[in-house]
Amino acid sequence: MNNILSFFNSNVWAFFEGMLTIVTLIFVVINYFKDRKQNEKIKLYIKKENNEEKMALPVVLLRKQCTRNEIQGVFSAAQKDSSKTYRIAYFANPDFYKQLQKVSSGVLDEIVVPIANQDKFELKEDKKK
């Protein structure tokens, strides 16, 4: 029993405890920067098929909130008549999921949703104009 207590009072234990504290601090700093990246703002844009310019939606999401459901909810709220359903073919396209993956991993800072002519979506007019 005396040997165990003497180990915890030794320089070996003090060194181990110091190293453990430094490693913990390193992981805390790494986690801080990863979390900071997840709190960056991501803009949503639509791009109509016959128009080259993209229009920004009035909502900005955090990177950690950029999920398929969240984005579709934003589109539902941003359409002209929210009581009607919208249909955007791009949401079923694998490119949409690749775009979400790139946003999630920090490669992209925006999501552009192309609206085809056959899609059913009409953006609400901005009341401030």
C-alpha atoms as a PDB file:
ATOM      1  CA  MET A   1       0.000   0.000   0.000  1.00  0.00           C
ATOM      2  CA  ASN A   2       2.865   2.306   0.814  1.00  0.00           C
ATOM      3  CA  ASN A   3       4.373   1.670  -2.635  1.00  0.00           C
ATOM      4  CA  ILE A   4       1.182   2.792  -4.369  1.00  0.00           C
ATOM      5  CA  LEU A   5       0.983   6.017  -2.358  1.00  0.00           C
ATOM      6  CA  SER A   6       4.627   6.755  -2.985  1.00  0.00           C
ATOM      7  CA  PHE A   7       4.070   6.351  -6.748  1.00  0.00           C
ATOM      8  CA  PHE A   8       1.386   9.075  -6.754  1.00  0.00           C
ATOM      9  CA  ASN A   9       3.752  11.399  -4.905  1.00  0.00           C
ATOM     10  CA  SER A  10       6.663  10.719  -7.279  1.00  0.00           C
ATOM     11  CA  ASN A  11       8.064  12.728 -10.178  1.00  0.00           C
ATOM     12  CA  VAL A  12       6.878  10.041 -12.621  1.00  0.00           C
ATOM     13  CA  TRP A  13       3.270  10.687 -11.687  1.00  0.00           C
ATOM     14  CA  ALA A  14       3.767  14.464 -11.903  1.00  0.00           C
ATOM     15  CA  PHE A  15       5.227  14.067 -15.411  1.00  0.00           C
ATOM     16  CA  PHE A  16       2.350  11.808 -16.499  1.00  0.00           C
ATOM     17  CA  GLU A  17      -0.203  14.252 -15.094  1.00  0.00           C
ATOM     18  CA  GLY A  18       1.464  17.171 -16.884  1.00  0.00           C
ATOM     19  CA  MET A  19       1.514  15.329 -20.213  1.00  0.00           C
ATOM     20  CA  LEU A  20      -2.130  14.349 -19.826  1.00  0.00           C
ATOM     21  CA  THR A  21      -3.029  18.008 -19.212  1.00  0.00           C
ATOM     22  CA  ILE A  22      -1.147  19.126 -22.346  1.00  0.00           C
ATOM     23  CA  VAL A  23      -2.813  16.461 -24.521  1.00  0.00           C
ATOM     24  CA  THR A  24      -6.235  17.453 -23.151  1.00  0.00           C
ATOM     25  CA  LEU A  25      -5.533  21.103 -23.938  1.00  0.00           C
ATOM     26  CA  ILE A  26      -4.570  20.209 -27.513  1.00  0.00           C
ATOM     27  CA  PHE A  27      -7.840  18.322 -28.020  1.00  0.00           C
ATOM     28  CA  VAL A  28      -9.837  21.211 -26.544  1.00  0.00           C
ATOM     29  CA  VAL A  29      -8.237  23.654 -29.017  1.00  0.00           C
ATOM     30  CA  ILE A  30      -8.850  21.308 -31.974  1.00  0.00           C
ATOM     31  CA  ASN A  31     -12.494  20.872 -30.954  1.00  0.00           C
ATOM     32  CA  TYR A  32     -12.915  24.651 -30.603  1.00  0.00           C
ATOM     33  CA  PHE A  33     -11.798  25.257 -34.182  1.00  0.00           C
ATOM     34  CA  LYS A  34     -13.966  22.435 -35.537  1.00  0.00           C
ATOM     35  CA  ASP A  35     -16.986  23.803 -33.698  1.00  0.00           C
ATOM     36  CA  ARG A  36     -16.253  27.323 -34.906  1.00  0.00           C
ATOM     37  CA  LYS A  37     -16.319  26.067 -38.507  1.00  0.00           C
ATOM     38  CA  GLN A  38     -19.740  24.449 -37.893  1.00  0.00           C
ATOM     39  CA  ASN A  39     -21.144  27.835 -36.789  1.00  0.00           C
ATOM     40  CA  GLU A  40     -20.302  29.570 -40.077  1.00  0.00           C
ATOM     41  CA  LYS A  41     -23.217  30.968 -42.066  1.00  0.00           C
ATOM     42  CA  ILE A  42     -24.294  29.306 -45.300  1.00  0.00           C
ATOM     43  CA  LYS A  43     -26.312  31.221 -47.886  1.00  0.00           C
ATOM     44  CA  LEU A  44     -29.005  29.577 -49.984  1.00  0.00           C
ATOM     45  CA  TYR A  45     -29.482  30.557 -53.622  1.00  0.00           C
ATOM     46  CA  ILE A  46     -31.846  29.581 -56.397  1.00  0.00           C
ATOM     47  CA  LYS A  47     -30.899  29.689 -60.035  1.00  0.00           C
ATOM     48  CA  LYS A  48     -33.683  29.537 -62.598  1.00  0.00           C
ATOM     49  CA  GLU A  49     -33.024  27.470 -65.688  1.00  0.00           C
ATOM     50  CA  ASN A  50     -33.405  30.355 -68.137  1.00  0.00           C
ATOM     51  CA  ASN A  51     -31.534  32.900 -65.980  1.00  0.00           C
ATOM     52  CA  GLU A  52     -27.775  33.045 -65.389  1.00  0.00           C
ATOM     53  CA  GLU A  53     -27.877  35.021 -62.137  1.00  0.00           C
ATOM     54  CA  LYS A  54     -28.647  33.401 -58.821  1.00  0.00           C
ATOM     55  CA  MET A  55     -31.088  34.870 -56.312  1.00  0.00           C
ATOM     56  CA  ALA A  56     -30.447  34.659 -52.573  1.00  0.00           C
ATOM     57  CA  LEU A  57     -33.141  33.298 -50.302  1.00  0.00           C
ATOM     58  CA  PRO A  58     -33.906  35.528 -47.309  1.00  0.00           C
ATOM     59  CA  VAL A  59     -32.645  32.909 -44.827  1.00  0.00           C
ATOM     60  CA  VAL A  60     -29.090  32.113 -43.795  1.00  0.00           C
ATOM     61  CA  LEU A  61     -28.399  28.761 -42.125  1.00  0.00           C
ATOM     62  CA  LEU A  62     -25.529  27.665 -39.938  1.00  0.00           C
ATOM     63  CA  ARG A  63     -23.319  24.993 -41.459  1.00  0.00           C
ATOM     64  CA  LYS A  64     -24.394  22.491 -38.793  1.00  0.00           C
ATOM     65  CA  GLN A  65     -28.062  23.134 -39.707  1.00  0.00           C
ATOM     66  CA  CYS A  66     -27.612  22.385 -43.415  1.00  0.00           C
ATOM     67  CA  THR A  67     -29.592  19.194 -43.723  1.00  0.00           C
ATOM     68  CA  ARG A  68     -31.954  18.115 -46.460  1.00  0.00           C
ATOM     69  CA  ASN A  69     -34.999  18.621 -44.231  1.00  0.00           C
ATOM     70  CA  GLU A  70     -33.916  22.062 -43.040  1.00  0.00           C
ATOM     71  CA  ILE A  71     -33.290  23.285 -46.587  1.00  0.00           C
ATOM     72  CA  GLN A  72     -36.598  21.925 -47.830  1.00  0.00           C
ATOM     73  CA  GLY A  73     -38.321  23.651 -44.908  1.00  0.00           C
ATOM     74  CA  VAL A  74     -36.722  26.943 -45.906  1.00  0.00           C
ATOM     75  CA  PHE A  75     -37.946  26.471 -49.473  1.00  0.00           C
ATOM     76  CA  SER A  76     -41.425  25.664 -48.208  1.00  0.00           C
ATOM     77  CA  ALA A  77     -41.495  28.868 -46.155  1.00  0.00           C
ATOM     78  CA  ALA A  78     -39.984  30.965 -48.967  1.00  0.00           C
ATOM     79  CA  GLN A  79     -42.435  30.006 -51.678  1.00  0.00           C
ATOM     80  CA  LYS A  80     -45.142  32.441 -52.714  1.00  0.00           C
ATOM     81  CA  ASP A  81     -48.114  30.394 -51.505  1.00  0.00           C
ATOM     82  CA  SER A  82     -46.950  28.323 -48.544  1.00  0.00           C
ATOM     83  CA  SER A  83     -50.231  26.393 -48.419  1.00  0.00           C
ATOM     84  CA  LYS A  84     -49.373  24.713 -51.727  1.00  0.00           C
ATOM     85  CA  THR A  85     -46.694  22.097 -52.120  1.00  0.00           C
ATOM     86  CA  TYR A  86     -43.648  22.771 -54.211  1.00  0.00           C
ATOM     87  CA  ARG A  87     -41.781  20.327 -56.393  1.00  0.00           C
ATOM     88  CA  ILE A  88     -38.096  20.790 -57.176  1.00  0.00           C
ATOM     89  CA  ALA A  89     -36.527  17.894 -59.036  1.00  0.00           C
ATOM     90  CA  TYR A  90     -33.012  18.841 -57.913  1.00  0.00           C
ATOM     91  CA  PHE A  91     -33.771  17.717 -54.338  1.00  0.00           C
ATOM     92  CA  ALA A  92     -33.847  14.114 -55.613  1.00  0.00           C
ATOM     93  CA  ASN A  93     -30.638  14.572 -57.625  1.00  0.00           C
ATOM     94  CA  PRO A  94     -27.381  13.042 -56.306  1.00  0.00           C
ATOM     95  CA  ASP A  95     -25.672  16.392 -56.996  1.00  0.00           C
ATOM     96  CA  PHE A  96     -27.794  17.956 -54.236  1.00  0.00           C
ATOM     97  CA  TYR A  97     -26.481  15.409 -51.739  1.00  0.00           C
ATOM     98  CA  LYS A  98     -22.908  15.966 -52.941  1.00  0.00           C
ATOM     99  CA  GLN A  99     -23.406  19.703 -52.400  1.00  0.00           C
ATOM    100  CA  LEU A 100     -24.693  19.038 -48.870  1.00  0.00           C
ATOM    101  CA  GLN A 101     -21.681  16.834 -48.171  1.00  0.00           C
ATOM    102  CA  LYS A 102     -19.300  19.562 -49.360  1.00  0.00           C
ATOM    103  CA  VAL A 103     -21.036  22.135 -47.161  1.00  0.00           C
ATOM    104  CA  SER A 104     -20.933  19.772 -44.208  1.00  0.00           C
ATOM    105  CA  SER A 105     -17.213  19.117 -44.666  1.00  0.00           C
ATOM    106  CA  GLY A 106     -16.418  22.833 -45.066  1.00  0.00           C
ATOM    107  CA  VAL A 107     -15.535  22.841 -48.773  1.00  0.00           C
ATOM    108  CA  LEU A 108     -18.527  24.983 -49.886  1.00  0.00           C
ATOM    109  CA  ASP A 109     -20.022  28.044 -48.201  1.00  0.00           C
ATOM    110  CA  GLU A 110     -23.245  28.249 -50.208  1.00  0.00           C
ATOM    111  CA  ILE A 111     -25.943  26.026 -51.638  1.00  0.00           C
ATOM    112  CA  VAL A 112     -27.243  26.741 -55.135  1.00  0.00           C
ATOM    113  CA  VAL A 113     -30.487  25.013 -56.112  1.00  0.00           C
ATOM    114  CA  PRO A 114     -31.260  25.098 -59.839  1.00  0.00           C
ATOM    115  CA  ILE A 115     -34.962  25.522 -60.580  1.00  0.00           C
ATOM    116  CA  ALA A 116     -36.017  23.873 -63.839  1.00  0.00           C
ATOM    117  CA  ASN A 117     -38.910  25.224 -65.907  1.00  0.00           C
ATOM    118  CA  GLN A 118     -41.057  22.189 -65.053  1.00  0.00           C
ATOM    119  CA  ASP A 119     -40.480  22.607 -61.281  1.00  0.00           C
ATOM    120  CA  LYS A 120     -43.288  24.011 -59.149  1.00  0.00           C
ATOM    121  CA  PHE A 121     -41.738  26.781 -57.050  1.00  0.00           C
ATOM    122  CA  GLU A 122     -42.329  30.515 -56.973  1.00  0.00           C
ATOM    123  CA  LEU A 123     -40.339  32.719 -54.607  1.00  0.00           C
ATOM    124  CA  LYS A 124     -42.195  35.140 -52.323  1.00  0.00           C
ATOM    125  CA  GLU A 125     -41.791  38.768 -53.269  1.00  0.00           C
ATOM    126  CA  ASP A 126     -39.786  40.846 -50.810  1.00  0.00           C
ATOM    127  CA  LYS A 127     -42.223  43.107 -48.910  1.00  0.00           C
ATOM    128  CA  LYS A 128     -39.516  45.732 -48.188  1.00  0.00           C
ATOM    129  CA  LYS A 129     -39.276  46.881 -51.801  1.00  0.00           C
END
